[in-house]
Amino acid sequence: SKRVLLINVRTYDIERVYDYDYTINAIATVSPHLIFLGCSDQRIRSFDPLRGEMKRSSRYVEPIHNLAYNEETKQLWAAGANTFIRVLSTQNFEPIATPSSTAKIHSMYLSESG
């Protein structure tokens, strides 16, 4: 979708709607003021949904299809449309690790143990 909806989880009312020129493939929530968007234009964006402000953007080699946030390590795992996978710092989007993958990544989940 090219739209992000901010929904009240108590009432299920749509409180805000944000429309973009690119498809949003993945969302990782860090806090009420910070979410990460994995986008079809090969970018990861940090976004404050309460203010409606894009904070930061970084471009990668392929569209981002999966994001997972590790609260314990404060790291963002990102996987692209093909074999791209990175562990990124949430402060500056710099790669911390580049796990190798020769297979296409379809989904990603971080367990409590990391």
N, C-alpha and C. Protein backbone atom coordinates (compact mmCIF):
# COMPACT_ATOMS: atom_id res chain seq x y z
N SER A 1 0.83 -1.19 0.00
CA SER A 1 0.00 0.00 0.00
C SER A 1 0.87 1.24 0.00
N LYS A 2 0.35 2.33 -0.50
CA LYS A 2 1.05 3.62 -0.49
C LYS A 2 0.53 4.50 0.62
N ARG A 3 -0.07 3.88 1.62
CA ARG A 3 -0.74 4.62 2.68
C ARG A 3 -0.38 4.03 4.04
N VAL A 4 -0.16 4.90 5.01
CA VAL A 4 0.01 4.49 6.41
C VAL A 4 -1.17 5.05 7.18
N LEU A 5 -1.82 4.17 7.94
CA LEU A 5 -2.95 4.58 8.77
C LEU A 5 -2.54 4.53 10.23
N LEU A 6 -2.83 5.57 10.97
CA LEU A 6 -2.62 5.59 12.41
C LEU A 6 -3.97 5.27 13.04
N ILE A 7 -4.06 4.09 13.67
CA ILE A 7 -5.32 3.58 14.19
C ILE A 7 -5.28 3.53 15.71
N ASN A 8 -6.34 4.02 16.35
CA ASN A 8 -6.48 3.94 17.79
C ASN A 8 -6.82 2.50 18.15
N VAL A 9 -5.95 1.83 18.93
CA VAL A 9 -6.16 0.41 19.22
C VAL A 9 -7.29 0.16 20.20
N ARG A 10 -7.74 1.18 20.89
CA ARG A 10 -8.88 1.01 21.81
C ARG A 10 -10.22 1.09 21.08
N THR A 11 -10.31 2.03 20.15
CA THR A 11 -11.58 2.26 19.45
C THR A 11 -11.58 1.75 18.01
N TYR A 12 -10.42 1.43 17.47
CA TYR A 12 -10.23 1.03 16.07
C TYR A 12 -10.58 2.15 15.10
N ASP A 13 -10.63 3.38 15.58
CA ASP A 13 -10.85 4.53 14.71
C ASP A 13 -9.56 4.90 13.99
N ILE A 14 -9.68 5.29 12.73
CA ILE A 14 -8.53 5.80 11.99
C ILE A 14 -8.33 7.25 12.39
N GLU A 15 -7.18 7.54 13.00
CA GLU A 15 -6.92 8.90 13.48
C GLU A 15 -6.20 9.77 12.46
N ARG A 16 -5.30 9.15 11.68
CA ARG A 16 -4.57 9.90 10.66
C ARG A 16 -4.29 8.99 9.48
N VAL A 17 -4.18 9.60 8.31
CA VAL A 17 -3.85 8.88 7.08
C VAL A 17 -2.71 9.62 6.41
N TYR A 18 -1.67 8.88 6.05
CA TYR A 18 -0.53 9.46 5.33
C TYR A 18 -0.40 8.74 4.00
N ASP A 19 -0.37 9.50 2.89
CA ASP A 19 -0.24 8.94 1.55
C ASP A 19 1.15 9.26 0.99
N TYR A 20 1.72 8.28 0.25
CA TYR A 20 3.06 8.44 -0.30
C TYR A 20 3.08 8.05 -1.77
N ASP A 21 4.18 8.38 -2.44
CA ASP A 21 4.36 8.08 -3.86
C ASP A 21 5.00 6.71 -4.08
N TYR A 22 5.29 5.99 -3.03
CA TYR A 22 5.95 4.69 -3.12
C TYR A 22 5.18 3.69 -2.26
N THR A 23 5.35 2.42 -2.55
CA THR A 23 4.67 1.39 -1.79
C THR A 23 5.44 1.08 -0.52
N ILE A 24 4.72 0.95 0.58
CA ILE A 24 5.32 0.59 1.86
C ILE A 24 5.13 -0.91 2.04
N ASN A 25 6.24 -1.64 2.03
CA ASN A 25 6.21 -3.09 2.11
C ASN A 25 6.31 -3.62 3.53
N ALA A 26 6.93 -2.85 4.43
CA ALA A 26 7.16 -3.36 5.79
C ALA A 26 7.18 -2.20 6.78
N ILE A 27 6.73 -2.49 8.01
CA ILE A 27 6.76 -1.51 9.09
C ILE A 27 7.32 -2.19 10.33
N ALA A 28 8.23 -1.50 11.01
CA ALA A 28 8.75 -1.97 12.30
C ALA A 28 8.54 -0.85 13.31
N THR A 29 7.85 -1.15 14.40
CA THR A 29 7.53 -0.14 15.41
C THR A 29 8.57 -0.17 16.53
N VAL A 30 9.09 1.00 16.86
CA VAL A 30 10.04 1.14 17.96
C VAL A 30 9.34 1.76 19.16
N SER A 31 8.59 2.82 18.93
CA SER A 31 7.87 3.52 20.00
C SER A 31 6.71 4.27 19.35
N PRO A 32 5.84 4.91 20.16
CA PRO A 32 4.75 5.70 19.54
C PRO A 32 5.27 6.84 18.65
N HIS A 33 6.51 7.27 18.87
CA HIS A 33 7.07 8.37 18.09
C HIS A 33 8.06 7.92 17.02
N LEU A 34 8.27 6.60 16.87
CA LEU A 34 9.26 6.16 15.88
C LEU A 34 8.86 4.81 15.28
N ILE A 35 8.64 4.83 13.97
CA ILE A 35 8.48 3.59 13.23
C ILE A 35 9.41 3.64 12.02
N PHE A 36 9.77 2.47 11.53
CA PHE A 36 10.58 2.37 10.32
C PHE A 36 9.71 1.82 9.20
N LEU A 37 9.88 2.39 8.02
CA LEU A 37 9.13 1.97 6.85
C LEU A 37 10.10 1.37 5.83
N GLY A 38 9.81 0.17 5.36
CA GLY A 38 10.58 -0.45 4.29
C GLY A 38 9.83 -0.20 2.99
N CYS A 39 10.47 0.45 2.04
CA CYS A 39 9.75 1.00 0.89
C CYS A 39 10.20 0.40 -0.45
N SER A 40 9.30 0.49 -1.43
CA SER A 40 9.53 -0.07 -2.76
C SER A 40 10.58 0.73 -3.54
N ASP A 41 10.87 1.94 -3.13
CA ASP A 41 11.87 2.76 -3.84
C ASP A 41 13.27 2.53 -3.28
N GLN A 42 13.48 1.40 -2.64
CA GLN A 42 14.77 0.95 -2.11
C GLN A 42 15.22 1.74 -0.89
N ARG A 43 14.28 2.34 -0.19
CA ARG A 43 14.63 3.14 0.97
C ARG A 43 14.03 2.57 2.25
N ILE A 44 14.76 2.83 3.34
CA ILE A 44 14.21 2.66 4.69
C ILE A 44 14.07 4.07 5.24
N ARG A 45 12.89 4.35 5.77
CA ARG A 45 12.64 5.67 6.32
C ARG A 45 12.25 5.55 7.78
N SER A 46 12.73 6.48 8.60
CA SER A 46 12.24 6.58 9.98
C SER A 46 11.19 7.67 10.00
N PHE A 47 10.14 7.42 10.78
CA PHE A 47 8.93 8.23 10.69
C PHE A 47 8.33 8.41 12.07
N ASP A 48 7.90 9.62 12.38
CA ASP A 48 7.17 9.91 13.62
C ASP A 48 5.69 10.00 13.26
N PRO A 49 4.91 8.94 13.56
CA PRO A 49 3.51 8.95 13.13
C PRO A 49 2.64 9.95 13.88
N LEU A 50 3.02 10.33 15.08
CA LEU A 50 2.21 11.28 15.83
C LEU A 50 2.35 12.70 15.29
N ARG A 51 3.50 13.02 14.74
CA ARG A 51 3.73 14.34 14.15
C ARG A 51 3.61 14.33 12.64
N GLY A 52 3.63 13.14 12.04
CA GLY A 52 3.56 13.04 10.59
C GLY A 52 4.85 13.44 9.91
N GLU A 53 5.98 13.29 10.59
CA GLU A 53 7.26 13.75 10.07
C GLU A 53 8.17 12.58 9.71
N MET A 54 8.74 12.65 8.50
CA MET A 54 9.82 11.75 8.13
C MET A 54 11.08 12.28 8.78
N LYS A 55 11.81 11.40 9.44
CA LYS A 55 13.02 11.83 10.13
C LYS A 55 14.27 11.61 9.29
N ARG A 56 14.37 10.42 8.70
CA ARG A 56 15.60 10.02 8.03
C ARG A 56 15.30 9.03 6.93
N SER A 57 16.16 8.97 5.94
CA SER A 57 15.96 8.05 4.83
C SER A 57 17.32 7.56 4.35
N SER A 58 17.39 6.29 3.99
CA SER A 58 18.63 5.75 3.45
C SER A 58 18.30 4.77 2.33
N ARG A 59 19.06 4.83 1.25
CA ARG A 59 18.79 4.02 0.06
C ARG A 59 19.67 2.77 0.04
N TYR A 60 19.08 1.66 -0.43
CA TYR A 60 19.78 0.39 -0.50
C TYR A 60 19.71 -0.18 -1.91
N VAL A 61 20.19 -1.39 -2.10
CA VAL A 61 20.35 -1.94 -3.45
C VAL A 61 19.08 -2.56 -4.03
N GLU A 62 18.06 -2.74 -3.23
CA GLU A 62 16.81 -3.32 -3.74
C GLU A 62 15.66 -2.90 -2.84
N PRO A 63 14.41 -3.05 -3.31
CA PRO A 63 13.27 -2.71 -2.46
C PRO A 63 13.30 -3.47 -1.13
N ILE A 64 12.91 -2.81 -0.06
CA ILE A 64 12.91 -3.42 1.27
C ILE A 64 11.56 -4.09 1.49
N HIS A 65 11.57 -5.38 1.78
CA HIS A 65 10.32 -6.13 1.93
C HIS A 65 10.04 -6.56 3.37
N ASN A 66 11.06 -6.62 4.22
CA ASN A 66 10.88 -7.07 5.60
C ASN A 66 11.71 -6.21 6.54
N LEU A 67 11.11 -5.87 7.68
CA LEU A 67 11.82 -5.17 8.75
C LEU A 67 11.47 -5.83 10.07
N ALA A 68 12.44 -5.91 10.96
CA ALA A 68 12.19 -6.41 12.32
C ALA A 68 13.10 -5.63 13.26
N TYR A 69 12.53 -5.13 14.34
CA TYR A 69 13.28 -4.33 15.31
C TYR A 69 13.58 -5.18 16.54
N ASN A 70 14.86 -5.21 16.94
CA ASN A 70 15.28 -5.91 18.15
C ASN A 70 15.42 -4.88 19.26
N GLU A 71 14.47 -4.88 20.18
CA GLU A 71 14.45 -3.87 21.25
C GLU A 71 15.65 -4.00 22.19
N GLU A 72 16.08 -5.22 22.44
CA GLU A 72 17.20 -5.45 23.36
C GLU A 72 18.50 -4.85 22.84
N THR A 73 18.79 -5.04 21.56
CA THR A 73 20.04 -4.56 20.98
C THR A 73 19.89 -3.21 20.27
N LYS A 74 18.63 -2.74 20.12
CA LYS A 74 18.33 -1.48 19.40
C LYS A 74 18.80 -1.55 17.95
N GLN A 75 18.66 -2.73 17.35
CA GLN A 75 19.07 -2.92 15.97
C GLN A 75 17.85 -3.21 15.10
N LEU A 76 17.97 -2.81 13.84
CA LEU A 76 16.92 -3.03 12.86
C LEU A 76 17.43 -4.04 11.84
N TRP A 77 16.69 -5.13 11.67
CA TRP A 77 17.01 -6.11 10.64
C TRP A 77 16.19 -5.77 9.41
N ALA A 78 16.85 -5.72 8.26
CA ALA A 78 16.18 -5.37 7.02
C ALA A 78 16.48 -6.43 5.97
N ALA A 79 15.44 -6.85 5.25
CA ALA A 79 15.61 -7.80 4.15
C ALA A 79 14.96 -7.23 2.91
N GLY A 80 15.64 -7.41 1.80
CA GLY A 80 15.15 -6.87 0.54
C GLY A 80 14.32 -7.87 -0.24
N ALA A 81 14.05 -7.51 -1.48
CA ALA A 81 13.20 -8.33 -2.35
C ALA A 81 13.89 -9.63 -2.73
N ASN A 82 15.20 -9.67 -2.70
CA ASN A 82 15.92 -10.88 -3.10
C ASN A 82 16.74 -11.43 -1.94
N THR A 83 18.07 -11.34 -2.02
CA THR A 83 18.91 -11.94 -0.98
C THR A 83 19.55 -10.90 -0.06
N PHE A 84 19.19 -9.64 -0.21
CA PHE A 84 19.73 -8.55 0.61
C PHE A 84 19.26 -8.70 2.06
N ILE A 85 20.19 -8.72 3.00
CA ILE A 85 19.82 -8.69 4.42
C ILE A 85 20.90 -7.91 5.17
N ARG A 86 20.47 -7.02 6.05
CA ARG A 86 21.40 -6.20 6.82
C ARG A 86 20.88 -6.05 8.25
N VAL A 87 21.82 -5.93 9.18
CA VAL A 87 21.51 -5.53 10.54
C VAL A 87 22.00 -4.10 10.66
N LEU A 88 21.09 -3.17 10.97
CA LEU A 88 21.40 -1.75 10.91
C LEU A 88 21.29 -1.08 12.27
N SER A 89 22.09 -0.06 12.48
CA SER A 89 21.95 0.81 13.64
C SER A 89 20.72 1.68 13.44
N THR A 90 19.87 1.79 14.44
CA THR A 90 18.69 2.65 14.31
C THR A 90 19.05 4.13 14.43
N GLN A 91 20.25 4.44 14.86
CA GLN A 91 20.68 5.83 14.99
C GLN A 91 21.06 6.43 13.64
N ASN A 92 21.81 5.66 12.83
CA ASN A 92 22.34 6.25 11.60
C ASN A 92 22.18 5.35 10.36
N PHE A 93 21.48 4.22 10.51
CA PHE A 93 21.24 3.26 9.42
C PHE A 93 22.53 2.64 8.89
N GLU A 94 23.64 2.75 9.63
CA GLU A 94 24.88 2.13 9.20
C GLU A 94 24.81 0.63 9.44
N PRO A 95 25.32 -0.19 8.50
CA PRO A 95 25.31 -1.64 8.70
C PRO A 95 26.20 -2.06 9.87
N ILE A 96 25.66 -2.90 10.73
CA ILE A 96 26.41 -3.48 11.84
C ILE A 96 26.88 -4.87 11.44
N ALA A 97 26.06 -5.56 10.68
CA ALA A 97 26.40 -6.89 10.19
C ALA A 97 25.69 -7.12 8.86
N THR A 98 26.26 -8.02 8.08
CA THR A 98 25.67 -8.39 6.80
C THR A 98 25.61 -9.91 6.73
N PRO A 99 24.57 -10.51 7.31
CA PRO A 99 24.46 -11.97 7.23
C PRO A 99 24.35 -12.40 5.77
N SER A 100 25.06 -13.48 5.42
CA SER A 100 25.00 -13.91 4.02
C SER A 100 23.74 -14.72 3.77
N SER A 101 23.19 -14.53 2.60
CA SER A 101 22.00 -15.27 2.20
C SER A 101 22.07 -15.50 0.70
N THR A 102 21.84 -16.73 0.30
CA THR A 102 21.78 -17.02 -1.12
C THR A 102 20.35 -17.33 -1.54
N ALA A 103 19.45 -17.35 -0.57
CA ALA A 103 18.04 -17.62 -0.85
C ALA A 103 17.23 -16.34 -0.73
N LYS A 104 16.13 -16.30 -1.41
CA LYS A 104 15.22 -15.16 -1.32
C LYS A 104 14.58 -15.13 0.06
N ILE A 105 14.50 -13.94 0.68
CA ILE A 105 13.92 -13.77 2.02
C ILE A 105 12.44 -13.45 1.84
N HIS A 106 11.56 -14.29 2.36
CA HIS A 106 10.12 -14.05 2.23
C HIS A 106 9.52 -13.43 3.48
N SER A 107 10.04 -13.77 4.65
CA SER A 107 9.54 -13.17 5.89
C SER A 107 10.64 -13.27 6.93
N MET A 108 10.50 -12.46 7.99
CA MET A 108 11.52 -12.40 9.01
C MET A 108 10.85 -12.15 10.35
N TYR A 109 11.34 -12.82 11.37
CA TYR A 109 10.80 -12.66 12.72
C TYR A 109 11.95 -12.79 13.70
N LEU A 110 12.04 -11.89 14.68
CA LEU A 110 13.05 -11.99 15.72
C LEU A 110 12.41 -12.53 16.98
N SER A 111 12.95 -13.60 17.51
CA SER A 111 12.43 -14.17 18.75
C SER A 111 12.95 -13.34 19.92
N GLU A 112 12.44 -13.60 21.12
CA GLU A 112 12.85 -12.84 22.30
C GLU A 112 14.32 -13.04 22.60
N SER A 113 14.89 -14.15 22.21
CA SER A 113 16.31 -14.41 22.47
C SER A 113 17.20 -13.79 21.40
N GLY A 114 16.60 -13.06 20.44
CA GLY A 114 17.38 -12.40 19.40
C GLY A 114 17.40 -13.22 18.15
